[in-house]
């Protein structure tokens, strides 16, 4: 999450595997300026224990990078800022999102119905906000950017908000991303059919075509 009082936006990252780390690290030094909230799990001898931190370590309200909008409000994010600032997030094609998550978290690169169902039952997936898809995580967001158009849309974002600082989008790649694969080609037909049914709302509302 990036909160900018200067430019009056909050960039939420509730959907993982959407270049959230790249966006977070690219923006936090120049654009994060909230004094009431800090991003990070905790402090150790006055230092943030998480690499993914932003803000004043002494700020009273603790939020996390991937915190969804409703949890951020429950955790103390200002309602005035939440409802008056522009809320931005990134979505991703449901096929490549699932493929990326499975590749990173369980090392699977063959996406059949059986493999996907098995992954959905892992504690990591079952106990996170990603389990039910993207649409419910983005319902309070004002501007949704597609991951596939991120480079172009990030430049547009800077122009639209009249960002004065020179902020390039620096991509950070996880080890599993060093070897590129075509996620969609690695889905079986039954895997695609399962995705089409389970994440029908994501395909429809986020504007992605079913195969």
N, C-alpha and C. Protein backbone atom coordinates (compact mmCIF):
# COMPACT_ATOMS: atom_id res chain seq x y z
N UNK A 1 0.83 -1.18 0.00
CA UNK A 1 0.00 0.00 0.00
C UNK A 1 0.88 1.25 0.00
N UNK A 2 0.52 2.19 -0.83
CA UNK A 2 1.20 3.48 -0.86
C UNK A 2 0.16 4.57 -0.63
N UNK A 3 0.38 5.38 0.40
CA UNK A 3 -0.55 6.49 0.71
C UNK A 3 0.17 7.79 0.40
N UNK A 4 -0.42 8.59 -0.46
CA UNK A 4 0.15 9.89 -0.79
C UNK A 4 -0.84 10.99 -0.44
N UNK A 5 -0.52 11.76 0.59
CA UNK A 5 -1.36 12.90 0.94
C UNK A 5 -1.14 14.05 -0.03
N UNK A 6 0.07 14.15 -0.55
CA UNK A 6 0.39 15.23 -1.49
C UNK A 6 -0.46 15.10 -2.75
N UNK A 7 -0.58 13.88 -3.28
CA UNK A 7 -1.30 13.67 -4.53
C UNK A 7 -2.68 13.04 -4.33
N UNK A 8 -3.02 12.78 -3.09
CA UNK A 8 -4.35 12.29 -2.73
C UNK A 8 -4.74 11.00 -3.46
N UNK A 9 -3.88 10.01 -3.32
CA UNK A 9 -4.23 8.68 -3.82
C UNK A 9 -3.74 7.63 -2.82
N UNK A 10 -4.38 6.47 -2.86
CA UNK A 10 -3.93 5.30 -2.11
C UNK A 10 -3.83 4.16 -3.11
N UNK A 11 -2.64 3.62 -3.24
CA UNK A 11 -2.44 2.49 -4.16
C UNK A 11 -2.45 1.22 -3.32
N UNK A 12 -3.49 0.42 -3.53
CA UNK A 12 -3.66 -0.85 -2.81
C UNK A 12 -3.09 -2.00 -3.65
N UNK A 13 -2.56 -3.01 -2.96
CA UNK A 13 -2.03 -4.20 -3.62
C UNK A 13 -2.67 -5.47 -3.07
N UNK A 14 -4.00 -5.59 -3.08
CA UNK A 14 -4.63 -6.78 -2.50
C UNK A 14 -4.43 -8.03 -3.34
N UNK A 15 -4.21 -7.86 -4.63
CA UNK A 15 -4.01 -9.00 -5.53
C UNK A 15 -2.51 -9.19 -5.72
N UNK A 16 -1.99 -10.33 -5.28
CA UNK A 16 -0.58 -10.61 -5.44
C UNK A 16 -0.22 -10.92 -6.89
N UNK A 17 1.05 -11.00 -7.17
CA UNK A 17 1.55 -11.36 -8.50
C UNK A 17 1.08 -10.38 -9.57
N UNK A 18 1.03 -9.10 -9.19
CA UNK A 18 0.66 -8.04 -10.13
C UNK A 18 1.70 -6.93 -10.12
N UNK A 19 2.97 -7.31 -9.96
CA UNK A 19 4.09 -6.35 -9.88
C UNK A 19 3.97 -5.44 -8.67
N UNK A 20 3.33 -5.93 -7.62
CA UNK A 20 3.12 -5.09 -6.43
C UNK A 20 4.45 -4.73 -5.75
N UNK A 21 5.39 -5.67 -5.72
CA UNK A 21 6.69 -5.36 -5.12
C UNK A 21 7.41 -4.28 -5.93
N UNK A 22 7.36 -4.40 -7.25
CA UNK A 22 7.99 -3.39 -8.11
C UNK A 22 7.36 -2.03 -7.90
N UNK A 23 6.05 -1.97 -7.87
CA UNK A 23 5.34 -0.71 -7.66
C UNK A 23 5.64 -0.14 -6.28
N UNK A 24 5.61 -0.99 -5.28
CA UNK A 24 5.82 -0.55 -3.91
C UNK A 24 7.21 0.07 -3.74
N UNK A 25 8.24 -0.65 -4.18
CA UNK A 25 9.61 -0.15 -4.03
C UNK A 25 9.87 1.06 -4.92
N UNK A 26 9.21 1.13 -6.07
CA UNK A 26 9.42 2.27 -6.98
C UNK A 26 8.82 3.55 -6.41
N UNK A 27 7.73 3.44 -5.66
CA UNK A 27 7.02 4.64 -5.20
C UNK A 27 7.27 5.04 -3.76
N UNK A 28 7.67 4.10 -2.90
CA UNK A 28 7.62 4.37 -1.46
C UNK A 28 8.51 5.53 -1.01
N UNK A 29 9.71 5.66 -1.58
CA UNK A 29 10.63 6.69 -1.10
C UNK A 29 10.15 8.09 -1.44
N UNK A 30 9.60 8.26 -2.64
CA UNK A 30 9.23 9.59 -3.11
C UNK A 30 7.78 9.96 -2.82
N UNK A 31 6.91 8.97 -2.79
CA UNK A 31 5.48 9.28 -2.74
C UNK A 31 4.79 8.95 -1.43
N UNK A 32 5.32 8.01 -0.65
CA UNK A 32 4.66 7.68 0.62
C UNK A 32 4.96 8.79 1.62
N UNK A 33 3.91 9.46 2.11
CA UNK A 33 4.13 10.60 3.02
C UNK A 33 3.13 10.65 4.18
N UNK A 34 2.47 9.52 4.45
CA UNK A 34 1.50 9.52 5.54
C UNK A 34 2.20 9.41 6.89
N UNK A 35 1.78 10.24 7.84
CA UNK A 35 2.41 10.26 9.16
C UNK A 35 1.69 9.40 10.19
N UNK A 36 0.46 9.03 9.89
CA UNK A 36 -0.34 8.25 10.85
C UNK A 36 -0.17 6.75 10.68
N UNK A 37 0.15 6.33 9.46
CA UNK A 37 0.24 4.90 9.16
C UNK A 37 1.64 4.54 8.69
N UNK A 38 2.08 3.36 9.05
CA UNK A 38 3.32 2.82 8.50
C UNK A 38 3.02 1.45 7.91
N UNK A 39 3.79 1.10 6.92
CA UNK A 39 3.64 -0.20 6.27
C UNK A 39 4.77 -1.09 6.77
N UNK A 40 4.44 -2.23 7.32
CA UNK A 40 5.45 -3.12 7.87
C UNK A 40 4.87 -3.88 9.03
N UNK A 41 5.37 -5.09 9.25
CA UNK A 41 4.77 -5.98 10.25
C UNK A 41 5.17 -5.66 11.68
N UNK A 42 6.32 -5.04 11.89
CA UNK A 42 6.70 -4.81 13.27
C UNK A 42 8.06 -4.14 13.38
N UNK A 43 8.46 -3.85 14.61
CA UNK A 43 9.73 -3.18 14.86
C UNK A 43 10.62 -4.05 15.73
N UNK A 44 11.91 -3.96 15.49
CA UNK A 44 12.90 -4.63 16.32
C UNK A 44 14.01 -3.61 16.59
N UNK A 45 14.12 -3.20 17.86
CA UNK A 45 15.09 -2.16 18.23
C UNK A 45 14.92 -0.91 17.37
N UNK A 46 13.66 -0.56 17.14
CA UNK A 46 13.37 0.66 16.41
C UNK A 46 13.44 0.54 14.90
N UNK A 47 13.75 -0.66 14.39
CA UNK A 47 13.87 -0.85 12.94
C UNK A 47 12.74 -1.74 12.44
N UNK A 48 12.29 -1.49 11.23
CA UNK A 48 11.27 -2.34 10.64
C UNK A 48 11.82 -3.75 10.43
N UNK A 49 11.04 -4.75 10.82
CA UNK A 49 11.47 -6.13 10.64
C UNK A 49 11.12 -6.66 9.26
N UNK A 50 10.31 -5.94 8.52
CA UNK A 50 9.94 -6.35 7.17
C UNK A 50 10.68 -5.49 6.17
N UNK A 51 11.15 -6.12 5.06
CA UNK A 51 11.77 -5.34 4.00
C UNK A 51 10.76 -4.47 3.30
N UNK A 52 9.52 -4.89 3.35
CA UNK A 52 8.46 -4.16 2.65
C UNK A 52 7.80 -3.18 3.63
N UNK A 53 8.53 -2.14 3.96
CA UNK A 53 8.05 -1.15 4.90
C UNK A 53 8.03 0.22 4.24
N UNK A 54 7.27 1.12 4.80
CA UNK A 54 7.24 2.51 4.36
C UNK A 54 6.69 3.35 5.49
N UNK A 55 7.06 4.61 5.51
CA UNK A 55 6.55 5.51 6.52
C UNK A 55 7.41 5.58 7.76
N UNK A 56 6.93 6.35 8.73
CA UNK A 56 7.63 6.57 9.99
C UNK A 56 7.51 5.33 10.87
N UNK A 57 8.64 4.75 11.32
CA UNK A 57 8.57 3.56 12.18
C UNK A 57 7.79 3.79 13.47
N UNK A 58 7.62 5.06 13.86
CA UNK A 58 6.89 5.36 15.09
C UNK A 58 5.41 5.64 14.84
N UNK A 59 4.97 5.58 13.59
CA UNK A 59 3.56 5.83 13.30
C UNK A 59 2.68 4.84 14.04
N UNK A 60 1.56 5.31 14.61
CA UNK A 60 0.76 4.45 15.49
C UNK A 60 -0.04 3.36 14.79
N UNK A 61 -0.36 3.52 13.52
CA UNK A 61 -1.20 2.56 12.81
C UNK A 61 -0.33 1.71 11.90
N UNK A 62 -0.44 0.39 12.05
CA UNK A 62 0.38 -0.53 11.27
C UNK A 62 -0.48 -1.19 10.20
N UNK A 63 -0.09 -1.02 8.94
CA UNK A 63 -0.74 -1.66 7.81
C UNK A 63 0.28 -2.56 7.12
N UNK A 64 -0.17 -3.37 6.18
CA UNK A 64 0.76 -4.23 5.43
C UNK A 64 0.59 -3.99 3.94
N UNK A 65 1.58 -4.40 3.17
CA UNK A 65 1.60 -4.09 1.74
C UNK A 65 0.38 -4.63 1.00
N UNK A 66 0.01 -5.87 1.27
CA UNK A 66 -1.07 -6.51 0.52
C UNK A 66 -2.44 -6.39 1.20
N UNK A 67 -2.55 -5.57 2.20
CA UNK A 67 -3.80 -5.46 2.95
C UNK A 67 -4.94 -4.97 2.05
N UNK A 68 -6.07 -5.70 2.03
CA UNK A 68 -7.21 -5.24 1.23
C UNK A 68 -7.89 -4.03 1.86
N UNK A 69 -8.76 -3.40 1.10
CA UNK A 69 -9.35 -2.13 1.52
C UNK A 69 -10.13 -2.23 2.83
N UNK A 70 -10.96 -3.26 2.97
CA UNK A 70 -11.79 -3.36 4.17
C UNK A 70 -10.95 -3.59 5.42
N UNK A 71 -9.89 -4.39 5.29
CA UNK A 71 -9.04 -4.65 6.44
C UNK A 71 -8.24 -3.40 6.81
N UNK A 72 -7.84 -2.62 5.80
CA UNK A 72 -7.13 -1.37 6.06
C UNK A 72 -7.99 -0.41 6.88
N UNK A 73 -9.26 -0.32 6.53
CA UNK A 73 -10.18 0.53 7.30
C UNK A 73 -10.33 0.01 8.72
N UNK A 74 -10.50 -1.29 8.87
CA UNK A 74 -10.63 -1.88 10.20
C UNK A 74 -9.37 -1.68 11.04
N UNK A 75 -8.22 -1.56 10.37
CA UNK A 75 -6.94 -1.43 11.06
C UNK A 75 -6.61 0.01 11.42
N UNK A 76 -7.45 0.95 10.99
CA UNK A 76 -7.25 2.34 11.40
C UNK A 76 -6.97 3.34 10.31
N UNK A 77 -6.93 2.90 9.04
CA UNK A 77 -6.75 3.86 7.95
C UNK A 77 -7.87 4.90 8.00
N UNK A 78 -7.52 6.16 7.86
CA UNK A 78 -8.48 7.25 7.95
C UNK A 78 -9.63 7.09 6.95
N UNK A 79 -10.86 7.12 7.45
CA UNK A 79 -12.03 7.03 6.57
C UNK A 79 -12.10 8.24 5.65
N UNK A 80 -11.71 9.40 6.17
CA UNK A 80 -11.73 10.61 5.34
C UNK A 80 -10.83 10.46 4.13
N UNK A 81 -9.63 9.94 4.35
CA UNK A 81 -8.71 9.72 3.23
C UNK A 81 -9.22 8.61 2.32
N UNK A 82 -9.72 7.56 2.92
CA UNK A 82 -10.18 6.41 2.13
C UNK A 82 -11.27 6.82 1.14
N UNK A 83 -12.21 7.63 1.60
CA UNK A 83 -13.34 7.97 0.74
C UNK A 83 -13.09 9.19 -0.15
N UNK A 84 -12.09 10.00 0.18
CA UNK A 84 -11.85 11.19 -0.64
C UNK A 84 -10.67 11.03 -1.60
N UNK A 85 -9.72 10.13 -1.28
CA UNK A 85 -8.57 9.92 -2.16
C UNK A 85 -8.94 8.92 -3.26
N UNK A 86 -8.23 8.99 -4.37
CA UNK A 86 -8.42 8.01 -5.44
C UNK A 86 -7.73 6.70 -5.06
N UNK A 87 -8.47 5.62 -5.13
CA UNK A 87 -7.94 4.29 -4.78
C UNK A 87 -7.61 3.54 -6.07
N UNK A 88 -6.37 3.05 -6.14
CA UNK A 88 -5.84 2.42 -7.35
C UNK A 88 -5.39 1.00 -7.03
N UNK A 89 -5.59 0.07 -7.96
CA UNK A 89 -5.09 -1.30 -7.81
C UNK A 89 -4.82 -1.89 -9.19
N UNK A 90 -4.15 -3.04 -9.17
CA UNK A 90 -3.84 -3.76 -10.41
C UNK A 90 -4.52 -5.12 -10.39
N UNK A 91 -5.12 -5.51 -11.51
CA UNK A 91 -5.69 -6.85 -11.66
C UNK A 91 -4.85 -7.61 -12.68
N UNK A 92 -5.17 -8.88 -12.86
CA UNK A 92 -4.39 -9.70 -13.81
C UNK A 92 -5.28 -10.76 -14.43
N UNK A 93 -4.94 -11.16 -15.64
CA UNK A 93 -5.64 -12.25 -16.30
C UNK A 93 -5.72 -13.45 -15.35
N UNK A 94 -6.92 -13.97 -15.10
CA UNK A 94 -7.06 -15.06 -14.12
C UNK A 94 -6.20 -16.29 -14.43
N UNK A 95 -6.01 -16.60 -15.70
CA UNK A 95 -5.18 -17.77 -16.04
C UNK A 95 -3.73 -17.54 -15.61
N UNK A 96 -3.15 -16.42 -16.01
CA UNK A 96 -1.73 -16.19 -15.71
C UNK A 96 -1.52 -15.90 -14.23
N UNK A 97 -2.53 -15.33 -13.57
CA UNK A 97 -2.43 -15.12 -12.13
C UNK A 97 -2.34 -16.46 -11.40
N UNK A 98 -3.25 -17.37 -11.72
CA UNK A 98 -3.22 -18.69 -11.09
C UNK A 98 -1.92 -19.41 -11.41
N UNK A 99 -1.48 -19.34 -12.66
CA UNK A 99 -0.25 -20.00 -13.04
C UNK A 99 0.95 -19.45 -12.29
N UNK A 100 1.02 -18.15 -12.15
CA UNK A 100 2.13 -17.52 -11.44
C UNK A 100 2.14 -17.91 -9.96
N UNK A 101 0.97 -17.91 -9.34
CA UNK A 101 0.89 -18.28 -7.92
C UNK A 101 1.31 -19.73 -7.71
N UNK A 102 0.81 -20.63 -8.57
CA UNK A 102 1.13 -22.04 -8.41
C UNK A 102 2.61 -22.31 -8.66
N UNK A 103 3.16 -21.62 -9.63
CA UNK A 103 4.59 -21.81 -9.93
C UNK A 103 5.45 -21.37 -8.75
N UNK A 104 5.13 -20.22 -8.18
CA UNK A 104 5.94 -19.72 -7.07
C UNK A 104 5.74 -20.53 -5.80
N UNK A 105 4.50 -20.81 -5.45
CA UNK A 105 4.20 -21.34 -4.12
C UNK A 105 4.31 -22.85 -4.00
N UNK A 106 4.07 -23.58 -5.09
CA UNK A 106 4.18 -25.04 -4.98
C UNK A 106 5.03 -25.65 -6.09
N UNK A 107 5.63 -24.80 -6.94
CA UNK A 107 6.55 -25.29 -7.95
C UNK A 107 5.90 -26.06 -9.09
N UNK A 108 4.61 -25.83 -9.33
CA UNK A 108 3.88 -26.53 -10.38
C UNK A 108 3.78 -25.64 -11.62
N UNK A 109 4.04 -26.22 -12.79
CA UNK A 109 3.92 -25.45 -14.03
C UNK A 109 3.00 -26.13 -15.04
N UNK A 110 2.22 -27.09 -14.56
CA UNK A 110 1.23 -27.80 -15.39
C UNK A 110 -0.12 -27.62 -14.70
N UNK A 111 -1.03 -26.92 -15.37
CA UNK A 111 -2.22 -26.43 -14.68
C UNK A 111 -3.49 -27.18 -15.12
N UNK A 112 -3.67 -28.34 -14.54
CA UNK A 112 -4.86 -29.14 -14.77
C UNK A 112 -5.89 -28.83 -13.69
N UNK A 113 -7.11 -29.29 -13.91
CA UNK A 113 -8.15 -29.10 -12.89
C UNK A 113 -7.72 -29.72 -11.57
N UNK A 114 -7.15 -30.91 -11.61
CA UNK A 114 -6.71 -31.59 -10.39
C UNK A 114 -5.65 -30.78 -9.66
N UNK A 115 -4.67 -30.27 -10.39
CA UNK A 115 -3.60 -29.49 -9.75
C UNK A 115 -4.12 -28.18 -9.16
N UNK A 116 -5.03 -27.53 -9.88
CA UNK A 116 -5.58 -26.26 -9.39
C UNK A 116 -6.39 -26.49 -8.12
N UNK A 117 -7.24 -27.51 -8.13
CA UNK A 117 -8.04 -27.81 -6.94
C UNK A 117 -7.15 -28.15 -5.76
N UNK A 118 -6.09 -28.88 -6.01
CA UNK A 118 -5.15 -29.23 -4.94
C UNK A 118 -4.50 -27.96 -4.38
N UNK A 119 -4.14 -27.04 -5.25
CA UNK A 119 -3.51 -25.79 -4.80
C UNK A 119 -4.49 -24.95 -3.99
N UNK A 120 -5.73 -24.92 -4.41
CA UNK A 120 -6.74 -24.12 -3.69
C UNK A 120 -6.93 -24.62 -2.26
N UNK A 121 -6.60 -25.85 -2.00
CA UNK A 121 -6.77 -26.41 -0.66
C UNK A 121 -5.52 -26.31 0.20
N UNK A 122 -4.47 -25.68 -0.31
CA UNK A 122 -3.28 -25.48 0.52
C UNK A 122 -3.56 -24.39 1.54
N UNK A 123 -2.94 -24.46 2.72
CA UNK A 123 -3.17 -23.44 3.75
C UNK A 123 -2.88 -22.03 3.26
N UNK A 124 -1.80 -21.87 2.45
CA UNK A 124 -1.46 -20.53 1.98
C UNK A 124 -2.61 -19.92 1.20
N UNK A 125 -3.20 -20.70 0.30
CA UNK A 125 -4.26 -20.17 -0.56
C UNK A 125 -5.58 -20.09 0.18
N UNK A 126 -5.90 -21.11 0.93
CA UNK A 126 -7.21 -21.17 1.59
C UNK A 126 -7.36 -20.08 2.64
N UNK A 127 -6.25 -19.69 3.27
CA UNK A 127 -6.33 -18.72 4.37
C UNK A 127 -5.99 -17.30 3.95
N UNK A 128 -5.92 -17.02 2.67
CA UNK A 128 -5.64 -15.66 2.23
C UNK A 128 -6.81 -15.12 1.43
N UNK A 129 -6.74 -13.81 1.18
CA UNK A 129 -7.82 -13.16 0.44
C UNK A 129 -7.85 -13.57 -1.03
N UNK A 130 -6.81 -14.28 -1.52
CA UNK A 130 -6.77 -14.65 -2.93
C UNK A 130 -7.70 -15.81 -3.28
N UNK A 131 -8.22 -16.49 -2.28
CA UNK A 131 -8.96 -17.73 -2.50
C UNK A 131 -10.19 -17.54 -3.41
N UNK A 132 -10.89 -16.44 -3.21
CA UNK A 132 -12.16 -16.24 -3.93
C UNK A 132 -12.04 -15.37 -5.17
N UNK A 133 -10.84 -15.13 -5.63
CA UNK A 133 -10.69 -14.34 -6.84
C UNK A 133 -10.43 -12.87 -6.57
N UNK A 134 -10.39 -12.10 -7.66
CA UNK A 134 -9.97 -10.71 -7.57
C UNK A 134 -11.10 -9.70 -7.37
N UNK A 135 -12.26 -9.99 -7.92
CA UNK A 135 -13.33 -8.98 -7.96
C UNK A 135 -13.70 -8.46 -6.58
N UNK A 136 -13.85 -9.36 -5.62
CA UNK A 136 -14.25 -8.93 -4.27
C UNK A 136 -13.17 -8.07 -3.61
N UNK A 137 -11.91 -8.26 -4.01
CA UNK A 137 -10.81 -7.49 -3.43
C UNK A 137 -10.73 -6.09 -4.03
N UNK A 138 -11.37 -5.90 -5.17
CA UNK A 138 -11.24 -4.63 -5.90
C UNK A 138 -12.53 -3.82 -5.93
N UNK A 139 -13.52 -4.25 -5.14
CA UNK A 139 -14.85 -3.62 -5.24
C UNK A 139 -14.85 -2.15 -4.80
N UNK A 140 -13.94 -1.75 -3.92
CA UNK A 140 -13.90 -0.36 -3.45
C UNK A 140 -12.91 0.50 -4.21
N UNK A 141 -12.28 -0.07 -5.23
CA UNK A 141 -11.21 0.63 -5.94
C UNK A 141 -11.80 1.52 -7.04
N UNK A 142 -11.25 2.72 -7.17
CA UNK A 142 -11.74 3.67 -8.18
C UNK A 142 -11.13 3.42 -9.55
N UNK A 143 -9.85 3.07 -9.58
CA UNK A 143 -9.16 2.87 -10.86
C UNK A 143 -8.45 1.52 -10.82
N UNK A 144 -8.85 0.62 -11.71
CA UNK A 144 -8.23 -0.70 -11.81
C UNK A 144 -7.38 -0.74 -13.07
N UNK A 145 -6.11 -1.05 -12.90
CA UNK A 145 -5.16 -1.13 -14.01
C UNK A 145 -4.88 -2.60 -14.31
N UNK A 146 -4.86 -2.94 -15.58
CA UNK A 146 -4.53 -4.31 -15.96
C UNK A 146 -3.01 -4.51 -15.91
N UNK A 147 -2.61 -5.60 -15.31
CA UNK A 147 -1.20 -5.96 -15.21
C UNK A 147 -0.54 -5.98 -16.59
N UNK A 148 -1.26 -6.44 -17.58
CA UNK A 148 -0.72 -6.57 -18.93
C UNK A 148 -0.46 -5.21 -19.57
N UNK A 149 -1.01 -4.14 -19.02
CA UNK A 149 -0.83 -2.79 -19.56
C UNK A 149 -0.12 -1.88 -18.56
N UNK A 150 0.58 -2.48 -17.61
CA UNK A 150 1.10 -1.72 -16.47
C UNK A 150 2.10 -0.64 -16.86
N UNK A 151 3.05 -0.95 -17.71
CA UNK A 151 4.07 0.04 -18.05
C UNK A 151 3.44 1.30 -18.65
N UNK A 152 2.52 1.11 -19.59
CA UNK A 152 1.82 2.25 -20.20
C UNK A 152 0.96 2.97 -19.18
N UNK A 153 0.24 2.23 -18.36
CA UNK A 153 -0.68 2.83 -17.41
C UNK A 153 0.06 3.53 -16.26
N UNK A 154 1.25 3.07 -15.91
CA UNK A 154 2.01 3.75 -14.86
C UNK A 154 2.45 5.12 -15.34
N UNK A 155 2.84 5.23 -16.59
CA UNK A 155 3.18 6.55 -17.14
C UNK A 155 1.96 7.45 -17.18
N UNK A 156 0.82 6.89 -17.53
CA UNK A 156 -0.42 7.66 -17.56
C UNK A 156 -0.81 8.11 -16.16
N UNK A 157 -0.62 7.24 -15.18
CA UNK A 157 -0.90 7.57 -13.78
C UNK A 157 -0.08 8.80 -13.35
N UNK A 158 1.19 8.82 -13.70
CA UNK A 158 2.05 9.95 -13.31
C UNK A 158 1.58 11.25 -13.97
N UNK A 159 1.13 11.17 -15.21
CA UNK A 159 0.63 12.36 -15.90
C UNK A 159 -0.71 12.82 -15.31
N UNK A 160 -1.59 11.87 -15.06
CA UNK A 160 -2.92 12.20 -14.55
C UNK A 160 -2.85 12.87 -13.17
N UNK A 161 -1.91 12.42 -12.33
CA UNK A 161 -1.79 12.96 -10.98
C UNK A 161 -0.74 14.07 -10.88
N UNK A 162 -0.20 14.46 -12.03
CA UNK A 162 0.79 15.54 -12.09
C UNK A 162 1.95 15.27 -11.13
N UNK A 163 2.45 14.05 -11.17
CA UNK A 163 3.55 13.68 -10.29
C UNK A 163 4.81 14.45 -10.68
N UNK A 164 5.35 15.19 -9.75
CA UNK A 164 6.52 16.02 -10.02
C UNK A 164 7.83 15.24 -9.94
N UNK A 165 7.87 14.24 -9.09
CA UNK A 165 9.08 13.47 -8.87
C UNK A 165 9.38 12.57 -10.07
N UNK A 166 10.66 12.32 -10.30
CA UNK A 166 11.08 11.41 -11.36
C UNK A 166 11.05 9.98 -10.82
N UNK A 167 10.02 9.22 -11.19
CA UNK A 167 9.82 7.89 -10.62
C UNK A 167 9.66 6.87 -11.74
N UNK A 168 10.74 6.22 -12.12
CA UNK A 168 10.61 5.12 -13.09
C UNK A 168 10.05 3.88 -12.39
N UNK A 169 9.36 3.05 -13.14
CA UNK A 169 8.89 1.78 -12.59
C UNK A 169 10.02 0.77 -12.74
N UNK A 170 10.65 0.42 -11.63
CA UNK A 170 11.76 -0.52 -11.63
C UNK A 170 11.20 -1.91 -11.31
N UNK A 171 11.36 -2.84 -12.24
CA UNK A 171 10.81 -4.17 -12.04
C UNK A 171 11.74 -5.02 -11.17
N UNK A 172 11.13 -5.68 -10.18
CA UNK A 172 11.83 -6.63 -9.33
C UNK A 172 11.28 -8.01 -9.65
N UNK A 173 12.16 -8.93 -9.99
CA UNK A 173 11.72 -10.26 -10.38
C UNK A 173 12.10 -11.28 -9.32
N UNK A 174 11.13 -12.14 -8.98
CA UNK A 174 11.37 -13.23 -8.04
C UNK A 174 12.18 -14.33 -8.74
N UNK A 175 12.86 -15.18 -7.97
CA UNK A 175 13.65 -16.25 -8.59
C UNK A 175 12.86 -17.11 -9.57
N UNK A 176 11.58 -17.39 -9.25
CA UNK A 176 10.80 -18.25 -10.14
C UNK A 176 10.47 -17.57 -11.46
N UNK A 177 10.67 -16.26 -11.55
CA UNK A 177 10.35 -15.52 -12.77
C UNK A 177 11.54 -15.39 -13.71
N UNK A 178 12.70 -15.87 -13.30
CA UNK A 178 13.90 -15.69 -14.12
C UNK A 178 13.82 -16.49 -15.42
N UNK A 179 13.12 -17.61 -15.39
CA UNK A 179 12.87 -18.38 -16.60
C UNK A 179 11.44 -18.14 -17.04
N UNK A 180 11.27 -17.52 -18.18
CA UNK A 180 9.93 -17.15 -18.63
C UNK A 180 9.20 -18.35 -19.21
N UNK A 181 7.93 -18.48 -18.87
CA UNK A 181 7.10 -19.53 -19.46
C UNK A 181 5.78 -18.91 -19.92
N UNK A 182 5.13 -19.60 -20.85
CA UNK A 182 3.80 -19.17 -21.31
C UNK A 182 2.77 -19.89 -20.44
N UNK A 183 2.22 -19.16 -19.47
CA UNK A 183 1.31 -19.80 -18.51
C UNK A 183 0.10 -20.39 -19.20
N UNK A 184 -0.49 -19.65 -20.12
CA UNK A 184 -1.74 -20.11 -20.73
C UNK A 184 -1.54 -21.39 -21.51
N UNK A 185 -0.41 -21.53 -22.21
CA UNK A 185 -0.15 -22.76 -22.96
C UNK A 185 0.03 -23.97 -22.05
N UNK A 186 0.29 -23.74 -20.77
CA UNK A 186 0.50 -24.84 -19.83
C UNK A 186 -0.78 -25.27 -19.11
N UNK A 187 -1.92 -24.70 -19.48
CA UNK A 187 -3.20 -25.14 -18.95
C UNK A 187 -3.76 -26.26 -19.79
N UNK A 188 -4.29 -27.28 -19.13
CA UNK A 188 -5.02 -28.32 -19.84
C UNK A 188 -6.43 -27.80 -20.11
N UNK A 189 -7.17 -28.51 -20.97
CA UNK A 189 -8.53 -28.10 -21.28
C UNK A 189 -9.42 -28.13 -20.04
N UNK A 190 -9.26 -29.16 -19.21
CA UNK A 190 -10.11 -29.22 -18.02
C UNK A 190 -9.70 -28.15 -17.01
N UNK A 191 -8.42 -27.78 -17.01
CA UNK A 191 -7.98 -26.68 -16.16
C UNK A 191 -8.58 -25.36 -16.58
N UNK A 192 -8.64 -25.13 -17.88
CA UNK A 192 -9.25 -23.91 -18.40
C UNK A 192 -10.74 -23.87 -18.08
N UNK A 193 -11.41 -25.01 -18.27
CA UNK A 193 -12.85 -25.06 -17.98
C UNK A 193 -13.12 -24.79 -16.51
N UNK A 194 -12.28 -25.33 -15.65
CA UNK A 194 -12.45 -25.08 -14.21
C UNK A 194 -12.27 -23.61 -13.90
N UNK A 195 -11.24 -22.98 -14.45
CA UNK A 195 -11.00 -21.55 -14.23
C UNK A 195 -12.17 -20.72 -14.75
N UNK A 196 -12.69 -21.09 -15.93
CA UNK A 196 -13.79 -20.34 -16.51
C UNK A 196 -15.02 -20.32 -15.61
N UNK A 197 -15.27 -21.45 -14.98
CA UNK A 197 -16.44 -21.54 -14.10
C UNK A 197 -16.19 -20.90 -12.75
N UNK A 198 -15.07 -21.22 -12.14
CA UNK A 198 -14.82 -20.72 -10.78
C UNK A 198 -14.61 -19.21 -10.74
N UNK A 199 -13.94 -18.67 -11.75
CA UNK A 199 -13.61 -17.24 -11.73
C UNK A 199 -14.37 -16.47 -12.81
N UNK A 200 -15.60 -16.92 -13.07
CA UNK A 200 -16.43 -16.30 -14.11
C UNK A 200 -16.61 -14.80 -13.86
N UNK A 201 -16.79 -14.43 -12.59
CA UNK A 201 -17.00 -13.01 -12.26
C UNK A 201 -15.77 -12.18 -12.57
N UNK A 202 -14.59 -12.73 -12.32
CA UNK A 202 -13.36 -12.00 -12.64
C UNK A 202 -13.23 -11.77 -14.14
N UNK A 203 -13.48 -12.81 -14.93
CA UNK A 203 -13.39 -12.66 -16.37
C UNK A 203 -14.35 -11.58 -16.86
N UNK A 204 -15.58 -11.61 -16.37
CA UNK A 204 -16.61 -10.68 -16.85
C UNK A 204 -16.34 -9.24 -16.39
N UNK A 205 -16.12 -9.05 -15.10
CA UNK A 205 -16.04 -7.69 -14.57
C UNK A 205 -14.68 -7.02 -14.80
N UNK A 206 -13.64 -7.84 -14.96
CA UNK A 206 -12.32 -7.26 -15.17
C UNK A 206 -11.94 -7.20 -16.65
N UNK A 207 -12.80 -7.74 -17.50
CA UNK A 207 -12.59 -7.58 -18.94
C UNK A 207 -11.59 -8.52 -19.56
N UNK A 208 -11.58 -9.78 -19.12
CA UNK A 208 -10.69 -10.77 -19.71
C UNK A 208 -11.51 -11.81 -20.46
N UNK A 209 -10.98 -12.28 -21.58
CA UNK A 209 -11.69 -13.22 -22.42
C UNK A 209 -11.42 -14.65 -21.99
N UNK A 210 -12.49 -15.43 -21.89
CA UNK A 210 -12.34 -16.85 -21.58
C UNK A 210 -11.85 -17.59 -22.81
N UNK A 211 -11.08 -18.64 -22.57
CA UNK A 211 -10.60 -19.50 -23.66
C UNK A 211 -11.54 -20.68 -23.87
